Amino acid sequence: MMNIFTKFEKIGYGILAVIVLIGLYLGLSDDIYFDVNYAQEDGPVEWGTAIMLFAIFVLSLYHLIRLWTTKKIFWKLGTFLFVVLFLFAAGEEISWGQRIFGVESSEFFIENNAQGETNLHNLVVGEKKINKIIFSQLLFLVMFLYLIITPILFRKFNWFKDLANTFAVPIVKWHHTIAFLVTTIFVALNPASRKWEVYELAFGAIFFLIFLGPLNKEIFEKKQPE
């Protein structure tokens, strides 16, 4: 039987399973401890998420620099957008190092940020936090399209395959999709109020594995433009 996982993927999924299952156990046995210690601000879970997002930024930047002379403009554009996106996501996760360096928030963020921090995802619009709007609605739609619809289209239609490859969009393997679905179930079973911090870490870890070994891995191979 062919081994569908690389050694690194086995290690990555193993670590992720431990984090999610420990979180579920703590949430079921002592949700207060989970919220105050395991998934608190600047805790191990939040820092893990920031590290994963930053790792994807570094990996994308590495691809951009290494393959700059051999790839076409749209590939460079797509990869550059991922560089910016994941650097922004990593910075937002730790409020751009505000608590690390002891930087005070400006008056705008004190008045309009739910936590008084210098970041955009905790801004309050009307009576709703931006992250509730984005992560609860828009992100769910994007994840559904990317993890389920995109790999189907990639396998069935050459025009979509060419489009994804042209813009350097990593396509998920089915085990990435399954990992997300299984993680979603286990996180949803957790009664703790900050359980979605674990989900964000899972998001970062699985996306790192996707960018490290996508179905269309040839997009990160050296190839002279036609």
C-alpha atoms as a PDB file:
ATOM      1  CA  MET A   1       0.000   0.000   0.000  1.00  0.00           C
ATOM      2  CA  MET A   2       1.377   3.366  -1.025  1.00  0.00           C
ATOM      3  CA  ASN A   3       2.283   5.706   1.822  1.00  0.00           C
ATOM      4  CA  ILE A   4       0.246   8.872   1.276  1.00  0.00           C
ATOM      5  CA  PHE A   5       1.976  10.869   4.022  1.00  0.00           C
ATOM      6  CA  THR A   6       5.492  12.208   4.051  1.00  0.00           C
ATOM      7  CA  LYS A   7       7.504  11.872   7.255  1.00  0.00           C
ATOM      8  CA  PHE A   8       7.027  15.592   7.935  1.00  0.00           C
ATOM      9  CA  GLU A   9       3.261  15.322   7.426  1.00  0.00           C
ATOM     10  CA  LYS A  10       3.089  12.454   9.907  1.00  0.00           C
ATOM     11  CA  ILE A  11       4.935  14.548  12.494  1.00  0.00           C
ATOM     12  CA  GLY A  12       2.795  17.606  11.755  1.00  0.00           C
ATOM     13  CA  TYR A  13      -0.513  15.756  12.031  1.00  0.00           C
ATOM     14  CA  GLY A  14       0.700  13.981  15.159  1.00  0.00           C
ATOM     15  CA  ILE A  15       1.535  17.260  16.906  1.00  0.00           C
ATOM     16  CA  LEU A  16      -1.749  18.799  15.766  1.00  0.00           C
ATOM     17  CA  ALA A  17      -3.729  15.826  17.093  1.00  0.00           C
ATOM     18  CA  VAL A  18      -2.039  16.138  20.491  1.00  0.00           C
ATOM     19  CA  ILE A  19      -2.791  19.878  20.692  1.00  0.00           C
ATOM     20  CA  VAL A  20      -6.451  19.447  19.702  1.00  0.00           C
ATOM     21  CA  LEU A  21      -7.052  16.444  21.975  1.00  0.00           C
ATOM     22  CA  ILE A  22      -5.361  18.085  24.969  1.00  0.00           C
ATOM     23  CA  GLY A  23      -7.511  21.147  24.339  1.00  0.00           C
ATOM     24  CA  LEU A  24     -10.659  19.014  24.181  1.00  0.00           C
ATOM     25  CA  TYR A  25      -9.746  17.193  27.411  1.00  0.00           C
ATOM     26  CA  LEU A  26      -9.047  20.463  29.239  1.00  0.00           C
ATOM     27  CA  GLY A  27     -12.214  22.052  27.870  1.00  0.00           C
ATOM     28  CA  LEU A  28     -14.358  19.136  29.022  1.00  0.00           C
ATOM     29  CA  SER A  29     -12.667  18.729  32.415  1.00  0.00           C
ATOM     30  CA  ASP A  30     -11.931  22.360  33.322  1.00  0.00           C
ATOM     31  CA  ASP A  31     -13.033  24.955  30.779  1.00  0.00           C
ATOM     32  CA  ILE A  32     -11.870  27.802  33.026  1.00  0.00           C
ATOM     33  CA  TYR A  33      -8.330  26.410  33.086  1.00  0.00           C
ATOM     34  CA  PHE A  34      -8.520  26.012  29.300  1.00  0.00           C
ATOM     35  CA  ASP A  35      -9.534  29.654  28.810  1.00  0.00           C
ATOM     36  CA  VAL A  36      -7.158  31.143  31.384  1.00  0.00           C
ATOM     37  CA  ASN A  37      -4.051  29.048  30.714  1.00  0.00           C
ATOM     38  CA  TYR A  38      -4.170  26.938  27.555  1.00  0.00           C
ATOM     39  CA  ALA A  39      -5.821  29.342  25.110  1.00  0.00           C
ATOM     40  CA  GLN A  40      -5.287  32.708  26.795  1.00  0.00           C
ATOM     41  CA  GLU A  41      -3.888  35.838  25.135  1.00  0.00           C
ATOM     42  CA  ASP A  42      -0.153  35.350  24.475  1.00  0.00           C
ATOM     43  CA  GLY A  43      -0.515  31.712  25.525  1.00  0.00           C
ATOM     44  CA  PRO A  44       0.965  28.645  23.807  1.00  0.00           C
ATOM     45  CA  VAL A  45      -1.939  28.184  21.405  1.00  0.00           C
ATOM     46  CA  GLU A  46      -1.962  31.794  20.206  1.00  0.00           C
ATOM     47  CA  TRP A  47       1.799  31.832  19.794  1.00  0.00           C
ATOM     48  CA  GLY A  48       1.611  28.541  17.931  1.00  0.00           C
ATOM     49  CA  THR A  49      -0.836  30.107  15.491  1.00  0.00           C
ATOM     50  CA  ALA A  50       1.406  33.137  14.942  1.00  0.00           C
ATOM     51  CA  ILE A  51       4.423  30.892  14.346  1.00  0.00           C
ATOM     52  CA  MET A  52       2.543  28.785  11.788  1.00  0.00           C
ATOM     53  CA  LEU A  53       1.306  31.843   9.900  1.00  0.00           C
ATOM     54  CA  PHE A  54       4.779  33.371   9.946  1.00  0.00           C
ATOM     55  CA  ALA A  55       6.235  30.074   8.705  1.00  0.00           C
ATOM     56  CA  ILE A  56       3.902  30.191   5.683  1.00  0.00           C
ATOM     57  CA  PHE A  57       5.021  33.782   5.054  1.00  0.00           C
ATOM     58  CA  VAL A  58       8.690  32.714   5.178  1.00  0.00           C
ATOM     59  CA  LEU A  59       8.034  29.709   2.919  1.00  0.00           C
ATOM     60  CA  SER A  60       6.178  31.849   0.369  1.00  0.00           C
ATOM     61  CA  LEU A  61       8.918  34.484   0.442  1.00  0.00           C
ATOM     62  CA  TYR A  62      11.514  31.742  -0.060  1.00  0.00           C
ATOM     63  CA  HIS A  63       9.628  30.458  -3.113  1.00  0.00           C
ATOM     64  CA  LEU A  64       9.318  33.980  -4.505  1.00  0.00           C
ATOM     65  CA  ILE A  65      13.022  34.739  -4.150  1.00  0.00           C
ATOM     66  CA  ARG A  66      14.293  31.321  -5.263  1.00  0.00           C
ATOM     67  CA  LEU A  67      12.094  31.138  -8.362  1.00  0.00           C
ATOM     68  CA  TRP A  68      11.964  34.826  -9.287  1.00  0.00           C
ATOM     69  CA  THR A  69      14.015  34.473 -12.485  1.00  0.00           C
ATOM     70  CA  THR A  70      12.246  31.339 -13.731  1.00  0.00           C
ATOM     71  CA  LYS A  71       8.587  32.217 -13.245  1.00  0.00           C
ATOM     72  CA  LYS A  72       6.149  34.450 -15.081  1.00  0.00           C
ATOM     73  CA  ILE A  73       4.554  37.631 -13.802  1.00  0.00           C
ATOM     74  CA  PHE A  74       1.217  36.127 -12.686  1.00  0.00           C
ATOM     75  CA  TRP A  75       3.004  33.418 -10.677  1.00  0.00           C
ATOM     76  CA  LYS A  76       5.049  36.155  -8.988  1.00  0.00           C
ATOM     77  CA  LEU A  77       1.908  38.185  -8.330  1.00  0.00           C
ATOM     78  CA  GLY A  78       0.067  35.246  -6.762  1.00  0.00           C
ATOM     79  CA  THR A  79       3.027  34.298  -4.575  1.00  0.00           C
ATOM     80  CA  PHE A  80       3.558  37.913  -3.526  1.00  0.00           C
ATOM     81  CA  LEU A  81      -0.083  38.150  -2.438  1.00  0.00           C
ATOM     82  CA  PHE A  82       0.411  35.083  -0.220  1.00  0.00           C
ATOM     83  CA  VAL A  83       3.548  36.679   1.248  1.00  0.00           C
ATOM     84  CA  VAL A  84       1.591  39.801   2.172  1.00  0.00           C
ATOM     85  CA  LEU A  85      -1.498  37.901   3.363  1.00  0.00           C
ATOM     86  CA  PHE A  86       0.305  35.600   5.796  1.00  0.00           C
ATOM     87  CA  LEU A  87       2.652  38.294   7.084  1.00  0.00           C
ATOM     88  CA  PHE A  88      -0.425  40.377   7.844  1.00  0.00           C
ATOM     89  CA  ALA A  89      -2.184  37.420   9.482  1.00  0.00           C
ATOM     90  CA  ALA A  90       0.838  36.627  11.672  1.00  0.00           C
ATOM     91  CA  GLY A  91       1.215  40.267  12.695  1.00  0.00           C
ATOM     92  CA  GLU A  92      -2.469  40.567  13.537  1.00  0.00           C
ATOM     93  CA  GLU A  93      -2.323  37.421  15.670  1.00  0.00           C
ATOM     94  CA  ILE A  94       0.203  39.012  18.055  1.00  0.00           C
ATOM     95  CA  SER A  95      -1.124  42.577  17.637  1.00  0.00           C
ATOM     96  CA  TRP A  96       2.046  43.469  15.743  1.00  0.00           C
ATOM     97  CA  GLY A  97       4.211  42.828  18.791  1.00  0.00           C
ATOM     98  CA  GLN A  98       2.431  45.462  20.846  1.00  0.00           C
ATOM     99  CA  ARG A  99       2.441  43.472  24.077  1.00  0.00           C
ATOM    100  CA  ILE A 100       5.966  42.195  23.458  1.00  0.00           C
ATOM    101  CA  PHE A 101       7.416  45.685  23.180  1.00  0.00           C
ATOM    102  CA  GLY A 102       4.989  47.351  25.574  1.00  0.00           C
ATOM    103  CA  VAL A 103       3.596  49.765  22.979  1.00  0.00           C
ATOM    104  CA  GLU A 104       0.490  51.712  23.976  1.00  0.00           C
ATOM    105  CA  SER A 105      -2.523  51.688  21.653  1.00  0.00           C
ATOM    106  CA  SER A 106      -3.574  54.899  19.971  1.00  0.00           C
ATOM    107  CA  GLU A 107      -6.825  56.577  20.974  1.00  0.00           C
ATOM    108  CA  PHE A 108      -8.559  55.168  17.885  1.00  0.00           C
ATOM    109  CA  PHE A 109      -7.823  51.556  18.814  1.00  0.00           C
ATOM    110  CA  ILE A 110      -8.613  52.126  22.492  1.00  0.00           C
ATOM    111  CA  GLU A 111     -12.053  53.396  21.537  1.00  0.00           C
ATOM    112  CA  ASN A 112     -12.850  51.055  18.645  1.00  0.00           C
ATOM    113  CA  ASN A 113     -10.997  47.824  19.417  1.00  0.00           C
ATOM    114  CA  ALA A 114     -12.786  45.280  21.612  1.00  0.00           C
ATOM    115  CA  GLN A 115      -9.531  44.547  23.447  1.00  0.00           C
ATOM    116  CA  GLY A 116      -7.968  47.989  23.163  1.00  0.00           C
ATOM    117  CA  GLU A 117      -5.169  46.538  21.012  1.00  0.00           C
ATOM    118  CA  THR A 118      -3.485  47.674  17.811  1.00  0.00           C
ATOM    119  CA  ASN A 119      -5.003  45.229  15.372  1.00  0.00           C
ATOM    120  CA  LEU A 120      -7.823  45.187  12.863  1.00  0.00           C
ATOM    121  CA  HIS A 121      -9.497  41.845  13.570  1.00  0.00           C
ATOM    122  CA  ASN A 122     -10.785  42.974  16.980  1.00  0.00           C
ATOM    123  CA  LEU A 123     -12.220  46.248  15.715  1.00  0.00           C
ATOM    124  CA  VAL A 124     -15.893  46.759  16.480  1.00  0.00           C
ATOM    125  CA  VAL A 125     -18.193  47.833  13.646  1.00  0.00           C
ATOM    126  CA  GLY A 126     -21.600  48.777  14.976  1.00  0.00           C
ATOM    127  CA  GLU A 127     -21.984  46.169  17.682  1.00  0.00           C
ATOM    128  CA  LYS A 128     -20.053  43.370  15.978  1.00  0.00           C
ATOM    129  CA  LYS A 129     -16.359  42.538  16.012  1.00  0.00           C
ATOM    130  CA  ILE A 130     -14.759  42.294  12.585  1.00  0.00           C
ATOM    131  CA  ASN A 131     -13.317  38.881  13.386  1.00  0.00           C
ATOM    132  CA  LYS A 132     -16.828  37.573  14.123  1.00  0.00           C
ATOM    133  CA  ILE A 133     -17.990  38.760  10.734  1.00  0.00           C
ATOM    134  CA  ILE A 134     -14.921  37.490   8.887  1.00  0.00           C
ATOM    135  CA  PHE A 135     -14.166  34.246  10.723  1.00  0.00           C
ATOM    136  CA  SER A 136     -17.745  33.177  11.371  1.00  0.00           C
ATOM    137  CA  GLN A 137     -19.122  33.914   7.913  1.00  0.00           C
ATOM    138  CA  LEU A 138     -16.645  34.893   5.195  1.00  0.00           C
ATOM    139  CA  LEU A 139     -13.825  32.589   6.294  1.00  0.00           C
ATOM    140  CA  PHE A 140     -16.180  29.610   6.524  1.00  0.00           C
ATOM    141  CA  LEU A 141     -17.259  30.202   2.922  1.00  0.00           C
ATOM    142  CA  VAL A 142     -13.671  30.608   1.734  1.00  0.00           C
ATOM    143  CA  MET A 143     -12.571  27.439   3.552  1.00  0.00           C
ATOM    144  CA  PHE A 144     -15.466  25.464   2.072  1.00  0.00           C
ATOM    145  CA  LEU A 145     -14.614  26.622  -1.447  1.00  0.00           C
ATOM    146  CA  TYR A 146     -10.869  26.123  -1.044  1.00  0.00           C
ATOM    147  CA  LEU A 147     -10.886  22.781   0.777  1.00  0.00           C
ATOM    148  CA  ILE A 148     -13.739  21.025  -1.014  1.00  0.00           C
ATOM    149  CA  ILE A 149     -14.707  22.757  -4.270  1.00  0.00           C
ATOM    150  CA  THR A 150     -11.238  23.792  -5.469  1.00  0.00           C
ATOM    151  CA  PRO A 151      -9.648  20.304  -5.494  1.00  0.00           C
ATOM    152  CA  ILE A 152     -12.663  18.943  -7.384  1.00  0.00           C
ATOM    153  CA  LEU A 153     -12.433  21.658 -10.014  1.00  0.00           C
ATOM    154  CA  PHE A 154      -8.659  21.202 -10.239  1.00  0.00           C
ATOM    155  CA  ARG A 155      -9.035  17.490 -11.006  1.00  0.00           C
ATOM    156  CA  LYS A 156     -11.923  17.858 -13.472  1.00  0.00           C
ATOM    157  CA  PHE A 157     -11.189  20.976 -15.516  1.00  0.00           C
ATOM    158  CA  ASN A 158      -7.928  21.813 -17.270  1.00  0.00           C
ATOM    159  CA  TRP A 159      -8.807  25.504 -17.450  1.00  0.00           C
ATOM    160  CA  PHE A 160      -9.073  25.665 -13.661  1.00  0.00           C
ATOM    161  CA  LYS A 161      -5.867  23.659 -13.240  1.00  0.00           C
ATOM    162  CA  ASP A 162      -4.038  26.073 -15.539  1.00  0.00           C
ATOM    163  CA  LEU A 163      -5.486  29.061 -13.660  1.00  0.00           C
ATOM    164  CA  ALA A 164      -4.398  27.743 -10.261  1.00  0.00           C
ATOM    165  CA  ASN A 165      -0.923  26.899 -11.516  1.00  0.00           C
ATOM    166  CA  THR A 166      -0.559  30.242 -13.253  1.00  0.00           C
ATOM    167  CA  PHE A 167      -1.218  32.174 -10.035  1.00  0.00           C
ATOM    168  CA  ALA A 168       0.726  29.709  -7.824  1.00  0.00           C
ATOM    169  CA  VAL A 169      -2.318  28.654  -5.793  1.00  0.00           C
ATOM    170  CA  PRO A 170      -1.451  25.519  -3.782  1.00  0.00           C
ATOM    171  CA  ILE A 171      -4.168  22.877  -4.189  1.00  0.00           C
ATOM    172  CA  VAL A 172      -5.064  20.759  -1.176  1.00  0.00           C
ATOM    173  CA  LYS A 173      -4.742  17.003  -1.073  1.00  0.00           C
ATOM    174  CA  TRP A 174      -7.734  15.123   0.291  1.00  0.00           C
ATOM    175  CA  HIS A 175      -5.977  14.330   3.552  1.00  0.00           C
ATOM    176  CA  HIS A 176      -5.686  18.092   4.182  1.00  0.00           C
ATOM    177  CA  THR A 177      -9.449  18.398   3.758  1.00  0.00           C
ATOM    178  CA  ILE A 178     -10.114  15.425   6.019  1.00  0.00           C
ATOM    179  CA  ALA A 179      -7.805  16.852   8.687  1.00  0.00           C
ATOM    180  CA  PHE A 180      -9.773  20.114   8.672  1.00  0.00           C
ATOM    181  CA  LEU A 181     -13.119  18.338   8.948  1.00  0.00           C
ATOM    182  CA  VAL A 182     -11.949  16.083  11.787  1.00  0.00           C
ATOM    183  CA  THR A 183     -10.406  19.048  13.616  1.00  0.00           C
ATOM    184  CA  THR A 184     -13.631  21.004  13.204  1.00  0.00           C
ATOM    185  CA  ILE A 185     -15.603  18.221  14.880  1.00  0.00           C
ATOM    186  CA  PHE A 186     -13.242  17.935  17.851  1.00  0.00           C
ATOM    187  CA  VAL A 187     -13.050  21.698  18.356  1.00  0.00           C
ATOM    188  CA  ALA A 188     -16.845  22.002  18.142  1.00  0.00           C
ATOM    189  CA  LEU A 189     -17.156  19.433  20.947  1.00  0.00           C
ATOM    190  CA  ASN A 190     -15.084  21.638  23.244  1.00  0.00           C
ATOM    191  CA  PRO A 191     -17.379  23.667  25.573  1.00  0.00           C
ATOM    192  CA  ALA A 192     -14.723  26.283  26.450  1.00  0.00           C
ATOM    193  CA  SER A 193     -15.389  29.834  25.266  1.00  0.00           C
ATOM    194  CA  ARG A 194     -11.927  30.241  23.712  1.00  0.00           C
ATOM    195  CA  LYS A 195     -11.988  26.943  21.835  1.00  0.00           C
ATOM    196  CA  TRP A 196     -11.691  28.692  18.470  1.00  0.00           C
ATOM    197  CA  GLU A 197      -8.139  29.708  19.370  1.00  0.00           C
ATOM    198  CA  VAL A 198      -7.281  26.024  18.893  1.00  0.00           C
ATOM    199  CA  TYR A 199      -9.105  26.085  15.557  1.00  0.00           C
ATOM    200  CA  GLU A 200      -6.963  28.994  14.413  1.00  0.00           C
ATOM    201  CA  LEU A 201      -3.839  27.023  15.307  1.00  0.00           C
ATOM    202  CA  ALA A 202      -5.157  24.053  13.323  1.00  0.00           C
ATOM    203  CA  PHE A 203      -5.828  26.434  10.412  1.00  0.00           C
ATOM    204  CA  GLY A 204      -2.219  27.628  10.498  1.00  0.00           C
ATOM    205  CA  ALA A 205      -0.699  24.163  10.868  1.00  0.00           C
ATOM    206  CA  ILE A 206      -2.700  22.530   8.072  1.00  0.00           C
ATOM    207  CA  PHE A 207      -2.154  25.463   5.735  1.00  0.00           C
ATOM    208  CA  PHE A 208       1.573  25.196   6.365  1.00  0.00           C
ATOM    209  CA  LEU A 209       1.404  21.527   5.332  1.00  0.00           C
ATOM    210  CA  ILE A 210      -0.592  22.512   2.228  1.00  0.00           C
ATOM    211  CA  PHE A 211       1.985  25.103   1.167  1.00  0.00           C
ATOM    212  CA  LEU A 212       4.799  22.678   1.942  1.00  0.00           C
ATOM    213  CA  GLY A 213       3.380  19.824  -0.127  1.00  0.00           C
ATOM    214  CA  PRO A 214       0.434  20.787  -2.346  1.00  0.00           C
ATOM    215  CA  LEU A 215      -1.189  18.516  -4.907  1.00  0.00           C
ATOM    216  CA  ASN A 216       0.293  20.724  -7.641  1.00  0.00           C
ATOM    217  CA  LYS A 217       3.793  20.717  -6.153  1.00  0.00           C
ATOM    218  CA  GLU A 218       5.223  21.489  -9.583  1.00  0.00           C
ATOM    219  CA  ILE A 219       4.327  25.158  -9.080  1.00  0.00           C
ATOM    220  CA  PHE A 220       7.256  25.371  -6.654  1.00  0.00           C
ATOM    221  CA  GLU A 221       9.742  23.625  -8.929  1.00  0.00           C
ATOM    222  CA  LYS A 222      12.286  25.460 -11.048  1.00  0.00           C
ATOM    223  CA  LYS A 223      11.060  25.678 -14.590  1.00  0.00           C
ATOM    224  CA  GLN A 224      12.016  28.134 -17.254  1.00  0.00           C
ATOM    225  CA  PRO A 225       9.081  30.134 -18.650  1.00  0.00           C
ATOM    226  CA  GLU A 226       7.898  29.037 -22.074  1.00  0.00           C
END
